[in-house]
PDB file of N, CA and C in Angstrom:
ATOM      1  N   MET A   1      13.673   1.927 -13.790  1.00  0.00           N
ATOM      2  CA  MET A   1      13.575   2.576 -12.505  1.00  0.00           C
ATOM      3  C   MET A   1      13.030   1.555 -11.494  1.00  0.00           C
ATOM      4  N   GLN A   2      13.608   1.524 -10.299  1.00  0.00           N
ATOM      5  CA  GLN A   2      13.257   0.555  -9.269  1.00  0.00           C
ATOM      6  C   GLN A   2      12.327   1.171  -8.234  1.00  0.00           C
ATOM      7  N   CYS A   3      11.514   0.336  -7.593  1.00  0.00           N
ATOM      8  CA  CYS A   3      10.598   0.758  -6.534  1.00  0.00           C
ATOM      9  C   CYS A   3      11.395   1.371  -5.384  1.00  0.00           C
ATOM     10  N   SER A   4      10.870   2.427  -4.779  1.00  0.00           N
ATOM     11  CA  SER A   4      11.564   3.140  -3.700  1.00  0.00           C
ATOM     12  C   SER A   4      11.498   2.433  -2.351  1.00  0.00           C
ATOM     13  N   ILE A   5      10.673   1.419  -2.214  1.00  0.00           N
ATOM     14  CA  ILE A   5      10.593   0.658  -0.970  1.00  0.00           C
ATOM     15  C   ILE A   5      11.851  -0.208  -0.884  1.00  0.00           C
ATOM     16  N   SER A   6      12.569  -0.116   0.218  1.00  0.00           N
ATOM     17  CA  SER A   6      13.899  -0.729   0.322  1.00  0.00           C
ATOM     18  C   SER A   6      13.910  -2.244   0.130  1.00  0.00           C
ATOM     19  N   GLU A   7      12.897  -2.966   0.611  1.00  0.00           N
ATOM     20  CA  GLU A   7      12.884  -4.421   0.487  1.00  0.00           C
ATOM     21  C   GLU A   7      12.435  -4.879  -0.899  1.00  0.00           C
ATOM     22  N   CYS A   8      11.811  -3.994  -1.651  1.00  0.00           N
ATOM     23  CA  CYS A   8      11.221  -4.358  -2.942  1.00  0.00           C
ATOM     24  C   CYS A   8      12.244  -4.194  -4.068  1.00  0.00           C
ATOM     25  N   LYS A   9      12.275  -5.163  -4.962  1.00  0.00           N
ATOM     26  CA  LYS A   9      13.213  -5.133  -6.092  1.00  0.00           C
ATOM     27  C   LYS A   9      12.490  -5.041  -7.435  1.00  0.00           C
ATOM     28  N   GLU A  10      11.168  -4.777  -7.399  1.00  0.00           N
ATOM     29  CA  GLU A  10      10.385  -4.732  -8.624  1.00  0.00           C
ATOM     30  C   GLU A  10      10.530  -3.388  -9.339  1.00  0.00           C
ATOM     31  N   LYS A  11      10.093  -3.369 -10.584  1.00  0.00           N
ATOM     32  CA  LYS A  11      10.166  -2.177 -11.407  1.00  0.00           C
ATOM     33  C   LYS A  11       9.057  -1.198 -11.027  1.00  0.00           C
ATOM     34  N   ALA A  12       9.398   0.078 -10.877  1.00  0.00           N
ATOM     35  CA  ALA A  12       8.420   1.109 -10.533  1.00  0.00           C
ATOM     36  C   ALA A  12       7.565   1.442 -11.750  1.00  0.00           C
ATOM     37  N   ILE A  13       6.267   1.667 -11.502  1.00  0.00           N
ATOM     38  CA  ILE A  13       5.366   2.006 -12.607  1.00  0.00           C
ATOM     39  C   ILE A  13       4.872   3.447 -12.529  1.00  0.00           C
ATOM     40  N   GLN A  14       4.990   4.080 -11.315  1.00  0.00           N
ATOM     41  CA  GLN A  14       4.490   5.446 -11.180  1.00  0.00           C
ATOM     42  C   GLN A  14       5.221   6.172 -10.060  1.00  0.00           C
ATOM     43  N   THR A  15       5.406   7.490 -10.238  1.00  0.00           N
ATOM     44  CA  THR A  15       5.976   8.342  -9.202  1.00  0.00           C
ATOM     45  C   THR A  15       4.824   9.001  -8.449  1.00  0.00           C
ATOM     46  N   VAL A  16       4.873   8.925  -7.112  1.00  0.00           N
ATOM     47  CA  VAL A  16       3.801   9.433  -6.272  1.00  0.00           C
ATOM     48  C   VAL A  16       4.363  10.477  -5.313  1.00  0.00           C
ATOM     49  N   LYS A  17       3.615  11.566  -5.105  1.00  0.00           N
ATOM     50  CA  LYS A  17       4.024  12.600  -4.162  1.00  0.00           C
ATOM     51  C   LYS A  17       3.555  12.187  -2.775  1.00  0.00           C
ATOM     52  N   ILE A  18       4.516  11.905  -1.889  1.00  0.00           N
ATOM     53  CA  ILE A  18       4.219  11.448  -0.532  1.00  0.00           C
ATOM     54  C   ILE A  18       3.959  12.635   0.389  1.00  0.00           C
ATOM     55  N   SER A  19       4.794  13.640   0.309  1.00  0.00           N
ATOM     56  CA  SER A  19       4.649  14.838   1.134  1.00  0.00           C
ATOM     57  C   SER A  19       5.122  16.042   0.337  1.00  0.00           C
ATOM     58  N   PHE A  20       5.226  17.173   1.006  1.00  0.00           N
ATOM     59  CA  PHE A  20       5.625  18.415   0.346  1.00  0.00           C
ATOM     60  C   PHE A  20       6.962  18.282  -0.385  1.00  0.00           C
ATOM     61  N   LYS A  21       7.921  17.597   0.235  1.00  0.00           N
ATOM     62  CA  LYS A  21       9.270  17.484  -0.340  1.00  0.00           C
ATOM     63  C   LYS A  21       9.584  16.117  -0.931  1.00  0.00           C
ATOM     64  N   GLU A  22       8.790  15.134  -0.645  1.00  0.00           N
ATOM     65  CA  GLU A  22       9.168  13.762  -0.983  1.00  0.00           C
ATOM     66  C   GLU A  22       8.307  13.132  -2.073  1.00  0.00           C
ATOM     67  N   ASN A  23       8.973  12.531  -3.045  1.00  0.00           N
ATOM     68  CA  ASN A  23       8.342  11.745  -4.103  1.00  0.00           C
ATOM     69  C   ASN A  23       8.914  10.339  -4.040  1.00  0.00           C
ATOM     70  N   ARG A  24       8.091   9.359  -4.368  1.00  0.00           N
ATOM     71  CA  ARG A  24       8.571   7.978  -4.393  1.00  0.00           C
ATOM     72  C   ARG A  24       8.124   7.297  -5.668  1.00  0.00           C
ATOM     73  N   ASN A  25       8.956   6.398  -6.144  1.00  0.00           N
ATOM     74  CA  ASN A  25       8.634   5.555  -7.295  1.00  0.00           C
ATOM     75  C   ASN A  25       8.105   4.241  -6.743  1.00  0.00           C
ATOM     76  N   LEU A  26       6.867   3.904  -7.105  1.00  0.00           N
ATOM     77  CA  LEU A  26       6.250   2.707  -6.552  1.00  0.00           C
ATOM     78  C   LEU A  26       5.930   1.680  -7.628  1.00  0.00           C
ATOM     79  N   CYS A  27       6.094   0.401  -7.255  1.00  0.00           N
ATOM     80  CA  CYS A  27       5.720  -0.694  -8.146  1.00  0.00           C
ATOM     81  C   CYS A  27       4.209  -0.895  -8.064  1.00  0.00           C
ATOM     82  N   LYS A  28       3.693  -1.816  -8.839  1.00  0.00           N
ATOM     83  CA  LYS A  28       2.248  -2.048  -8.905  1.00  0.00           C
ATOM     84  C   LYS A  28       1.662  -2.405  -7.536  1.00  0.00           C
ATOM     85  N   LYS A  29       2.336  -3.283  -6.792  1.00  0.00           N
ATOM     86  CA  LYS A  29       1.841  -3.743  -5.487  1.00  0.00           C
ATOM     87  C   LYS A  29       1.807  -2.598  -4.469  1.00  0.00           C
ATOM     88  N   HIS A  30       2.896  -1.848  -4.355  1.00  0.00           N
ATOM     89  CA  HIS A  30       2.963  -0.769  -3.371  1.00  0.00           C
ATOM     90  C   HIS A  30       2.094   0.427  -3.769  1.00  0.00           C
ATOM     91  N   LEU A  31       1.903   0.638  -5.055  1.00  0.00           N
ATOM     92  CA  LEU A  31       1.014   1.704  -5.511  1.00  0.00           C
ATOM     93  C   LEU A  31      -0.421   1.398  -5.093  1.00  0.00           C
ATOM     94  N   LYS A  32      -0.833   0.141  -5.202  1.00  0.00           N
ATOM     95  CA  LYS A  32      -2.182  -0.258  -4.798  1.00  0.00           C
ATOM     96  C   LYS A  32      -2.381  -0.017  -3.305  1.00  0.00           C
ATOM     97  N   ILE A  33      -1.394  -0.337  -2.487  1.00  0.00           N
ATOM     98  CA  ILE A  33      -1.468  -0.105  -1.041  1.00  0.00           C
ATOM     99  C   ILE A  33      -1.570   1.387  -0.755  1.00  0.00           C
ATOM    100  N   PHE A  34      -0.763   2.201  -1.446  1.00  0.00           N
ATOM    101  CA  PHE A  34      -0.762   3.646  -1.229  1.00  0.00           C
ATOM    102  C   PHE A  34      -2.101   4.272  -1.605  1.00  0.00           C
ATOM    103  N   VAL A  35      -2.671   3.859  -2.726  1.00  0.00           N
ATOM    104  CA  VAL A  35      -3.936   4.429  -3.190  1.00  0.00           C
ATOM    105  C   VAL A  35      -5.078   4.086  -2.235  1.00  0.00           C
ATOM    106  N   ASN A  36      -5.059   2.902  -1.639  1.00  0.00           N
ATOM    107  CA  ASN A  36      -6.138   2.447  -0.757  1.00  0.00           C
ATOM    108  C   ASN A  36      -5.875   2.707   0.725  1.00  0.00           C
ATOM    109  N   LYS A  37      -4.898   3.533   1.052  1.00  0.00           N
ATOM    110  CA  LYS A  37      -4.512   3.719   2.451  1.00  0.00           C
ATOM    111  C   LYS A  37      -5.599   4.348   3.317  1.00  0.00           C
ATOM    112  N   ASP A  38      -6.508   5.135   2.741  1.00  0.00           N
ATOM    113  CA  ASP A  38      -7.553   5.794   3.512  1.00  0.00           C
ATOM    114  C   ASP A  38      -8.870   5.026   3.536  1.00  0.00           C
ATOM    115  N   GLU A  39      -8.907   3.892   2.852  1.00  0.00           N
ATOM    116  CA  GLU A  39     -10.140   3.108   2.783  1.00  0.00           C
ATOM    117  C   GLU A  39     -10.444   2.474   4.131  1.00  0.00           C
ATOM    118  N   LYS A  40     -11.692   2.522   4.540  1.00  0.00           N
ATOM    119  CA  LYS A  40     -12.115   1.932   5.821  1.00  0.00           C
ATOM    120  C   LYS A  40     -12.654   0.536   5.563  1.00  0.00           C
ATOM    121  N   TYR A  41     -12.277  -0.384   6.407  1.00  0.00           N
ATOM    122  CA  TYR A  41     -12.728  -1.759   6.277  1.00  0.00           C
ATOM    123  C   TYR A  41     -13.631  -2.108   7.458  1.00  0.00           C
ATOM    124  N   ALA A  42     -14.812  -2.611   7.162  1.00  0.00           N
ATOM    125  CA  ALA A  42     -15.745  -3.006   8.214  1.00  0.00           C
ATOM    126  C   ALA A  42     -15.308  -4.353   8.788  1.00  0.00           C
ATOM    127  N   PRO A  43     -15.308  -4.490  10.110  1.00  0.00           N
ATOM    128  CA  PRO A  43     -14.931  -5.780  10.702  1.00  0.00           C
ATOM    129  C   PRO A  43     -16.014  -6.825  10.455  1.00  0.00           C
ATOM    130  N   THR A  44     -15.609  -8.066  10.367  1.00  0.00           N
ATOM    131  CA  THR A  44     -16.534  -9.167  10.180  1.00  0.00           C
ATOM    132  C   THR A  44     -16.629  -9.921  11.498  1.00  0.00           C
ATOM    133  N   PHE A  45     -17.816  -9.971  12.052  1.00  0.00           N
ATOM    134  CA  PHE A  45     -18.025 -10.657  13.339  1.00  0.00           C
ATOM    135  C   PHE A  45     -18.639 -12.019  13.094  1.00  0.00           C
ATOM    136  N   SER A  46     -18.226 -12.983  13.909  1.00  0.00           N
ATOM    137  CA  SER A  46     -18.829 -14.305  13.845  1.00  0.00           C
ATOM    138  C   SER A  46     -19.217 -14.721  15.255  1.00  0.00           C
ATOM    139  N   LYS A  47     -20.174 -15.632  15.356  1.00  0.00           N
ATOM    140  CA  LYS A  47     -20.670 -16.067  16.656  1.00  0.00           C
ATOM    141  C   LYS A  47     -19.635 -16.969  17.319  1.00  0.00           C
ATOM    142  N   ALA A  48     -19.437 -16.766  18.606  1.00  0.00           N
ATOM    143  CA  ALA A  48     -18.486 -17.589  19.353  1.00  0.00           C
ATOM    144  C   ALA A  48     -19.019 -19.002  19.504  1.00  0.00           C
ATOM    145  N   SER A  49     -18.137 -19.961  19.528  1.00  0.00           N
ATOM    146  CA  SER A  49     -18.564 -21.356  19.679  1.00  0.00           C
ATOM    147  C   SER A  49     -18.928 -21.645  21.123  1.00  0.00           C
ATOM    148  N   LYS A  50     -19.830 -22.601  21.333  1.00  0.00           N
ATOM    149  CA  LYS A  50     -20.261 -23.011  22.681  1.00  0.00           C
ATOM    150  C   LYS A  50     -19.490 -24.265  23.086  1.00  0.00           C
ATOM    151  N   PHE A  51     -19.109 -24.290  24.347  1.00  0.00           N
ATOM    152  CA  PHE A  51     -18.370 -25.468  24.852  1.00  0.00           C
ATOM    153  C   PHE A  51     -19.232 -26.345  25.666  1.00  0.00           C
TER     154      PHE A  51
END
């Protein structure tokens, strides 16, 4: 079974329910993105350089 993402040609490892009517087969890479989609990332600030 192939990943449901059109550009991806990898083998799907799991079927995921996207919405009420839609299921997708996702490969390892896209499954990781889907699982972490709600995770919040804190921005990293650095001091501006002086000229």
